[in-house]
Amino acid sequence: MTVLKYWMALALNMVFLLRNGDAQLEPVFLGLILAQTNIIVHLYVFLTRQGIDVERDIVLEQGKAEKLH
């Protein structure tokens, strides 16, 4: 589950950099976002097949993060 959280955080950082970054780097960031999305989807499918409720864990983590803010 830690790997999935890491990749999701990295993808969100890439989106932030894409929005606020240099326009010349957009193709690089888009490529990275697509690659990370592919990895996230494969991880989601793998973890779901292992019997892990990924969506429930994500909601729980979001709840923890909201309590900290």
PDB file of N, CA and C in Angstrom:
ATOM      1  N   MET A   1       0.823  -1.194   0.000  1.00  0.00           N
ATOM      2  CA  MET A   1       0.000   0.000   0.000  1.00  0.00           C
ATOM      3  C   MET A   1       0.866   1.256   0.000  1.00  0.00           C
ATOM      4  N   THR A   2       2.017   1.174   0.621  1.00  0.00           N
ATOM      5  CA  THR A   2       2.920   2.319   0.663  1.00  0.00           C
ATOM      6  C   THR A   2       3.372   2.711  -0.737  1.00  0.00           C
ATOM      7  N   VAL A   3       3.605   1.720  -1.580  1.00  0.00           N
ATOM      8  CA  VAL A   3       4.047   2.003  -2.951  1.00  0.00           C
ATOM      9  C   VAL A   3       2.967   2.763  -3.703  1.00  0.00           C
ATOM     10  N   LEU A   4       1.725   2.348  -3.535  1.00  0.00           N
ATOM     11  CA  LEU A   4       0.617   3.023  -4.210  1.00  0.00           C
ATOM     12  C   LEU A   4       0.509   4.474  -3.752  1.00  0.00           C
ATOM     13  N   LYS A   5       0.642   4.706  -2.459  1.00  0.00           N
ATOM     14  CA  LYS A   5       0.582   6.070  -1.932  1.00  0.00           C
ATOM     15  C   LYS A   5       1.731   6.908  -2.494  1.00  0.00           C
ATOM     16  N   TYR A   6       2.909   6.310  -2.589  1.00  0.00           N
ATOM     17  CA  TYR A   6       4.070   7.021  -3.122  1.00  0.00           C
ATOM     18  C   TYR A   6       3.818   7.459  -4.557  1.00  0.00           C
ATOM     19  N   TRP A   7       3.347   6.537  -5.379  1.00  0.00           N
ATOM     20  CA  TRP A   7       3.116   6.856  -6.789  1.00  0.00           C
ATOM     21  C   TRP A   7       2.011   7.886  -6.950  1.00  0.00           C
ATOM     22  N   MET A   8       0.975   7.801  -6.141  1.00  0.00           N
ATOM     23  CA  MET A   8      -0.111   8.774  -6.232  1.00  0.00           C
ATOM     24  C   MET A   8       0.384  10.166  -5.850  1.00  0.00           C
ATOM     25  N   ALA A   9       1.190  10.247  -4.805  1.00  0.00           N
ATOM     26  CA  ALA A   9       1.747  11.537  -4.398  1.00  0.00           C
ATOM     27  C   ALA A   9       2.663  12.093  -5.478  1.00  0.00           C
ATOM     28  N   LEU A  10       3.456  11.228  -6.083  1.00  0.00           N
ATOM     29  CA  LEU A  10       4.353  11.664  -7.150  1.00  0.00           C
ATOM     30  C   LEU A  10       3.565  12.166  -8.348  1.00  0.00           C
ATOM     31  N   ALA A  11       2.487  11.480  -8.702  1.00  0.00           N
ATOM     32  CA  ALA A  11       1.652  11.912  -9.825  1.00  0.00           C
ATOM     33  C   ALA A  11       1.023  13.273  -9.534  1.00  0.00           C
ATOM     34  N   LEU A  12       0.558  13.476  -8.308  1.00  0.00           N
ATOM     35  CA  LEU A  12      -0.027  14.772  -7.953  1.00  0.00           C
ATOM     36  C   LEU A  12       1.019  15.879  -8.006  1.00  0.00           C
ATOM     37  N   ASN A  13       2.233  15.580  -7.588  1.00  0.00           N
ATOM     38  CA  ASN A  13       3.309  16.568  -7.681  1.00  0.00           C
ATOM     39  C   ASN A  13       3.611  16.914  -9.128  1.00  0.00           C
ATOM     40  N   MET A  14       3.570  15.922  -9.997  1.00  0.00           N
ATOM     41  CA  MET A  14       3.815  16.179 -11.417  1.00  0.00           C
ATOM     42  C   MET A  14       2.727  17.082 -11.996  1.00  0.00           C
ATOM     43  N   VAL A  15       1.483  16.851 -11.607  1.00  0.00           N
ATOM     44  CA  VAL A  15       0.389  17.704 -12.081  1.00  0.00           C
ATOM     45  C   VAL A  15       0.602  19.134 -11.596  1.00  0.00           C
ATOM     46  N   PHE A  16       1.003  19.291 -10.336  1.00  0.00           N
ATOM     47  CA  PHE A  16       1.264  20.622  -9.791  1.00  0.00           C
ATOM     48  C   PHE A  16       2.386  21.306 -10.572  1.00  0.00           C
ATOM     49  N   LEU A  17       3.470  20.580 -10.830  1.00  0.00           N
ATOM     50  CA  LEU A  17       4.584  21.155 -11.578  1.00  0.00           C
ATOM     51  C   LEU A  17       4.176  21.492 -13.002  1.00  0.00           C
ATOM     52  N   LEU A  18       3.327  20.669 -13.582  1.00  0.00           N
ATOM     53  CA  LEU A  18       2.868  20.920 -14.945  1.00  0.00           C
ATOM     54  C   LEU A  18       2.043  22.201 -14.998  1.00  0.00           C
ATOM     55  N   ARG A  19       1.206  22.407 -14.003  1.00  0.00           N
ATOM     56  CA  ARG A  19       0.375  23.611 -13.977  1.00  0.00           C
ATOM     57  C   ARG A  19       1.205  24.865 -13.747  1.00  0.00           C
ATOM     58  N   ASN A  20       2.224  24.760 -12.913  1.00  0.00           N
ATOM     59  CA  ASN A  20       2.983  25.938 -12.499  1.00  0.00           C
ATOM     60  C   ASN A  20       4.389  26.002 -13.089  1.00  0.00           C
ATOM     61  N   GLY A  21       4.730  25.025 -13.882  1.00  0.00           N
ATOM     62  CA  GLY A  21       6.100  24.933 -14.359  1.00  0.00           C
ATOM     63  C   GLY A  21       6.328  25.566 -15.723  1.00  0.00           C
ATOM     64  N   ASP A  22       7.461  25.251 -16.275  1.00  0.00           N
ATOM     65  CA  ASP A  22       7.885  25.767 -17.565  1.00  0.00           C
ATOM     66  C   ASP A  22       7.128  25.051 -18.681  1.00  0.00           C
ATOM     67  N   ALA A  23       6.633  25.814 -19.647  1.00  0.00           N
ATOM     68  CA  ALA A  23       5.847  25.232 -20.745  1.00  0.00           C
ATOM     69  C   ALA A  23       6.682  24.274 -21.592  1.00  0.00           C
ATOM     70  N   GLN A  24       7.996  24.469 -21.638  1.00  0.00           N
ATOM     71  CA  GLN A  24       8.854  23.591 -22.441  1.00  0.00           C
ATOM     72  C   GLN A  24       8.940  22.187 -21.849  1.00  0.00           C
ATOM     73  N   LEU A  25       8.660  22.056 -20.577  1.00  0.00           N
ATOM     74  CA  LEU A  25       8.744  20.756 -19.925  1.00  0.00           C
ATOM     75  C   LEU A  25       7.432  19.980 -19.978  1.00  0.00           C
ATOM     76  N   GLU A  26       6.380  20.581 -20.541  1.00  0.00           N
ATOM     77  CA  GLU A  26       5.080  19.920 -20.544  1.00  0.00           C
ATOM     78  C   GLU A  26       5.112  18.520 -21.148  1.00  0.00           C
ATOM     79  N   PRO A  27       5.760  18.303 -22.301  1.00  0.00           N
ATOM     80  CA  PRO A  27       5.772  16.936 -22.850  1.00  0.00           C
ATOM     81  C   PRO A  27       6.445  15.932 -21.908  1.00  0.00           C
ATOM     82  N   VAL A  28       7.486  16.366 -21.219  1.00  0.00           N
ATOM     83  CA  VAL A  28       8.177  15.484 -20.278  1.00  0.00           C
ATOM     84  C   VAL A  28       7.247  15.124 -19.128  1.00  0.00           C
ATOM     85  N   PHE A  29       6.595  16.127 -18.556  1.00  0.00           N
ATOM     86  CA  PHE A  29       5.686  15.877 -17.446  1.00  0.00           C
ATOM     87  C   PHE A  29       4.495  15.034 -17.875  1.00  0.00           C
ATOM     88  N   LEU A  30       3.964  15.308 -19.067  1.00  0.00           N
ATOM     89  CA  LEU A  30       2.835  14.508 -19.544  1.00  0.00           C
ATOM     90  C   LEU A  30       3.238  13.049 -19.704  1.00  0.00           C
ATOM     91  N   GLY A  31       4.437  12.813 -20.226  1.00  0.00           N
ATOM     92  CA  GLY A  31       4.929  11.442 -20.357  1.00  0.00           C
ATOM     93  C   GLY A  31       5.075  10.762 -19.010  1.00  0.00           C
ATOM     94  N   LEU A  32       5.604  11.489 -18.033  1.00  0.00           N
ATOM     95  CA  LEU A  32       5.753  10.932 -16.688  1.00  0.00           C
ATOM     96  C   LEU A  32       4.398  10.649 -16.049  1.00  0.00           C
ATOM     97  N   ILE A  33       3.452  11.560 -16.245  1.00  0.00           N
ATOM     98  CA  ILE A  33       2.114  11.357 -15.676  1.00  0.00           C
ATOM     99  C   ILE A  33       1.458  10.133 -16.299  1.00  0.00           C
ATOM    100  N   LEU A  34       1.588   9.976 -17.612  1.00  0.00           N
ATOM    101  CA  LEU A  34       1.008   8.801 -18.272  1.00  0.00           C
ATOM    102  C   LEU A  34       1.659   7.517 -17.771  1.00  0.00           C
ATOM    103  N   ALA A  35       2.974   7.526 -17.628  1.00  0.00           N
ATOM    104  CA  ALA A  35       3.672   6.334 -17.140  1.00  0.00           C
ATOM    105  C   ALA A  35       3.246   6.012 -15.706  1.00  0.00           C
ATOM    106  N   GLN A  36       3.145   7.029 -14.873  1.00  0.00           N
ATOM    107  CA  GLN A  36       2.740   6.809 -13.484  1.00  0.00           C
ATOM    108  C   GLN A  36       1.298   6.333 -13.395  1.00  0.00           C
ATOM    109  N   THR A  37       0.444   6.886 -14.256  1.00  0.00           N
ATOM    110  CA  THR A  37      -0.950   6.441 -14.265  1.00  0.00           C
ATOM    111  C   THR A  37      -1.033   4.971 -14.619  1.00  0.00           C
ATOM    112  N   ASN A  38      -0.242   4.552 -15.592  1.00  0.00           N
ATOM    113  CA  ASN A  38      -0.204   3.142 -15.990  1.00  0.00           C
ATOM    114  C   ASN A  38       0.237   2.272 -14.813  1.00  0.00           C
ATOM    115  N   ILE A  39       1.258   2.710 -14.096  1.00  0.00           N
ATOM    116  CA  ILE A  39       1.746   1.956 -12.936  1.00  0.00           C
ATOM    117  C   ILE A  39       0.681   1.917 -11.843  1.00  0.00           C
ATOM    118  N   ILE A  40       0.024   3.049 -11.601  1.00  0.00           N
ATOM    119  CA  ILE A  40      -1.011   3.101 -10.565  1.00  0.00           C
ATOM    120  C   ILE A  40      -2.149   2.149 -10.890  1.00  0.00           C
ATOM    121  N   VAL A  41      -2.566   2.118 -12.155  1.00  0.00           N
ATOM    122  CA  VAL A  41      -3.652   1.216 -12.551  1.00  0.00           C
ATOM    123  C   VAL A  41      -3.237  -0.234 -12.341  1.00  0.00           C
ATOM    124  N   HIS A  42      -2.014  -0.582 -12.753  1.00  0.00           N
ATOM    125  CA  HIS A  42      -1.541  -1.953 -12.562  1.00  0.00           C
ATOM    126  C   HIS A  42      -1.441  -2.307 -11.076  1.00  0.00           C
ATOM    127  N   LEU A  43      -0.964  -1.371 -10.257  1.00  0.00           N
ATOM    128  CA  LEU A  43      -0.895  -1.614  -8.815  1.00  0.00           C
ATOM    129  C   LEU A  43      -2.286  -1.794  -8.220  1.00  0.00           C
ATOM    130  N   TYR A  44      -3.221  -0.966  -8.662  1.00  0.00           N
ATOM    131  CA  TYR A  44      -4.593  -1.072  -8.160  1.00  0.00           C
ATOM    132  C   TYR A  44      -5.173  -2.447  -8.476  1.00  0.00           C
ATOM    133  N   VAL A  45      -4.998  -2.885  -9.721  1.00  0.00           N
ATOM    134  CA  VAL A  45      -5.519  -4.197 -10.124  1.00  0.00           C
ATOM    135  C   VAL A  45      -4.837  -5.299  -9.322  1.00  0.00           C
ATOM    136  N   PHE A  46      -3.516  -5.214  -9.177  1.00  0.00           N
ATOM    137  CA  PHE A  46      -2.773  -6.233  -8.433  1.00  0.00           C
ATOM    138  C   PHE A  46      -3.241  -6.298  -6.981  1.00  0.00           C
ATOM    139  N   LEU A  47      -3.319  -5.137  -6.322  1.00  0.00           N
ATOM    140  CA  LEU A  47      -3.715  -5.112  -4.916  1.00  0.00           C
ATOM    141  C   LEU A  47      -5.155  -5.576  -4.733  1.00  0.00           C
ATOM    142  N   THR A  48      -6.022  -5.209  -5.674  1.00  0.00           N
ATOM    143  CA  THR A  48      -7.416  -5.647  -5.594  1.00  0.00           C
ATOM    144  C   THR A  48      -7.512  -7.160  -5.722  1.00  0.00           C
ATOM    145  N   ARG A  49      -6.724  -7.730  -6.606  1.00  0.00           N
ATOM    146  CA  ARG A  49      -6.730  -9.188  -6.769  1.00  0.00           C
ATOM    147  C   ARG A  49      -6.162  -9.896  -5.543  1.00  0.00           C
ATOM    148  N   GLN A  50      -5.324  -9.197  -4.777  1.00  0.00           N
ATOM    149  CA  GLN A  50      -4.770  -9.772  -3.549  1.00  0.00           C
ATOM    150  C   GLN A  50      -5.748  -9.656  -2.384  1.00  0.00           C
ATOM    151  N   GLY A  51      -6.890  -9.035  -2.634  1.00  0.00           N
ATOM    152  CA  GLY A  51      -7.910  -8.914  -1.595  1.00  0.00           C
ATOM    153  C   GLY A  51      -7.808  -7.654  -0.761  1.00  0.00           C
ATOM    154  N   ILE A  52      -7.017  -6.686  -1.197  1.00  0.00           N
ATOM    155  CA  ILE A  52      -6.858  -5.436  -0.459  1.00  0.00           C
ATOM    156  C   ILE A  52      -7.886  -4.433  -0.980  1.00  0.00           C
ATOM    157  N   ASP A  53      -8.625  -3.823  -0.068  1.00  0.00           N
ATOM    158  CA  ASP A  53      -9.631  -2.831  -0.441  1.00  0.00           C
ATOM    159  C   ASP A  53      -8.939  -1.472  -0.581  1.00  0.00           C
ATOM    160  N   VAL A  54      -8.451  -1.194  -1.771  1.00  0.00           N
ATOM    161  CA  VAL A  54      -7.645  -0.001  -2.020  1.00  0.00           C
ATOM    162  C   VAL A  54      -8.464   1.268  -1.805  1.00  0.00           C
ATOM    163  N   GLU A  55      -9.677   1.285  -2.306  1.00  0.00           N
ATOM    164  CA  GLU A  55     -10.503   2.485  -2.184  1.00  0.00           C
ATOM    165  C   GLU A  55     -10.780   2.824  -0.722  1.00  0.00           C
ATOM    166  N   ARG A  56     -11.060   1.828   0.092  1.00  0.00           N
ATOM    167  CA  ARG A  56     -11.308   2.060   1.521  1.00  0.00           C
ATOM    168  C   ARG A  56     -10.058   2.626   2.186  1.00  0.00           C
ATOM    169  N   ASP A  57      -8.894   2.073   1.848  1.00  0.00           N
ATOM    170  CA  ASP A  57      -7.647   2.554   2.440  1.00  0.00           C
ATOM    171  C   ASP A  57      -7.358   3.996   2.033  1.00  0.00           C
ATOM    172  N   ILE A  58      -7.658   4.343   0.792  1.00  0.00           N
ATOM    173  CA  ILE A  58      -7.430   5.714   0.325  1.00  0.00           C
ATOM    174  C   ILE A  58      -8.347   6.677   1.066  1.00  0.00           C
ATOM    175  N   VAL A  59      -9.610   6.302   1.224  1.00  0.00           N
ATOM    176  CA  VAL A  59     -10.557   7.152   1.955  1.00  0.00           C
ATOM    177  C   VAL A  59     -10.108   7.322   3.403  1.00  0.00           C
ATOM    178  N   LEU A  60      -9.637   6.252   4.027  1.00  0.00           N
ATOM    179  CA  LEU A  60      -9.151   6.349   5.407  1.00  0.00           C
ATOM    180  C   LEU A  60      -7.962   7.293   5.501  1.00  0.00           C
ATOM    181  N   GLU A  61      -7.043   7.203   4.541  1.00  0.00           N
ATOM    182  CA  GLU A  61      -5.867   8.082   4.551  1.00  0.00           C
ATOM    183  C   GLU A  61      -6.273   9.534   4.318  1.00  0.00           C
ATOM    184  N   GLN A  62      -7.249   9.760   3.449  1.00  0.00           N
ATOM    185  CA  GLN A  62      -7.718  11.126   3.216  1.00  0.00           C
ATOM    186  C   GLN A  62      -8.335  11.696   4.483  1.00  0.00           C
ATOM    187  N   GLY A  63      -9.075  10.868   5.203  1.00  0.00           N
ATOM    188  CA  GLY A  63      -9.670  11.312   6.466  1.00  0.00           C
ATOM    189  C   GLY A  63      -8.613  11.697   7.484  1.00  0.00           C
ATOM    190  N   LYS A  64      -7.535  10.909   7.546  1.00  0.00           N
ATOM    191  CA  LYS A  64      -6.434  11.224   8.463  1.00  0.00           C
ATOM    192  C   LYS A  64      -5.778  12.542   8.073  1.00  0.00           C
ATOM    193  N   ALA A  65      -5.581  12.751   6.770  1.00  0.00           N
ATOM    194  CA  ALA A  65      -4.936  13.974   6.295  1.00  0.00           C
ATOM    195  C   ALA A  65      -5.807  15.194   6.581  1.00  0.00           C
ATOM    196  N   GLU A  66      -7.125  15.051   6.417  1.00  0.00           N
ATOM    197  CA  GLU A  66      -8.025  16.177   6.681  1.00  0.00           C
ATOM    198  C   GLU A  66      -8.020  16.552   8.158  1.00  0.00           C
ATOM    199  N   LYS A  67      -7.874  15.574   9.034  1.00  0.00           N
ATOM    200  CA  LYS A  67      -7.837  15.860  10.468  1.00  0.00           C
ATOM    201  C   LYS A  67      -6.580  16.642  10.841  1.00  0.00           C
ATOM    202  N   LEU A  68      -5.505  16.447  10.086  1.00  0.00           N
ATOM    203  CA  LEU A  68      -4.254  17.142  10.381  1.00  0.00           C
ATOM    204  C   LEU A  68      -4.300  18.601   9.954  1.00  0.00           C
ATOM    205  N   HIS A  69      -5.160  18.914   8.993  1.00  0.00           N
ATOM    206  CA  HIS A  69      -5.200  20.293   8.475  1.00  0.00           C
ATOM    207  C   HIS A  69      -6.125  21.137   9.239  1.00  0.00           C
TER     208      HIS A  69
END
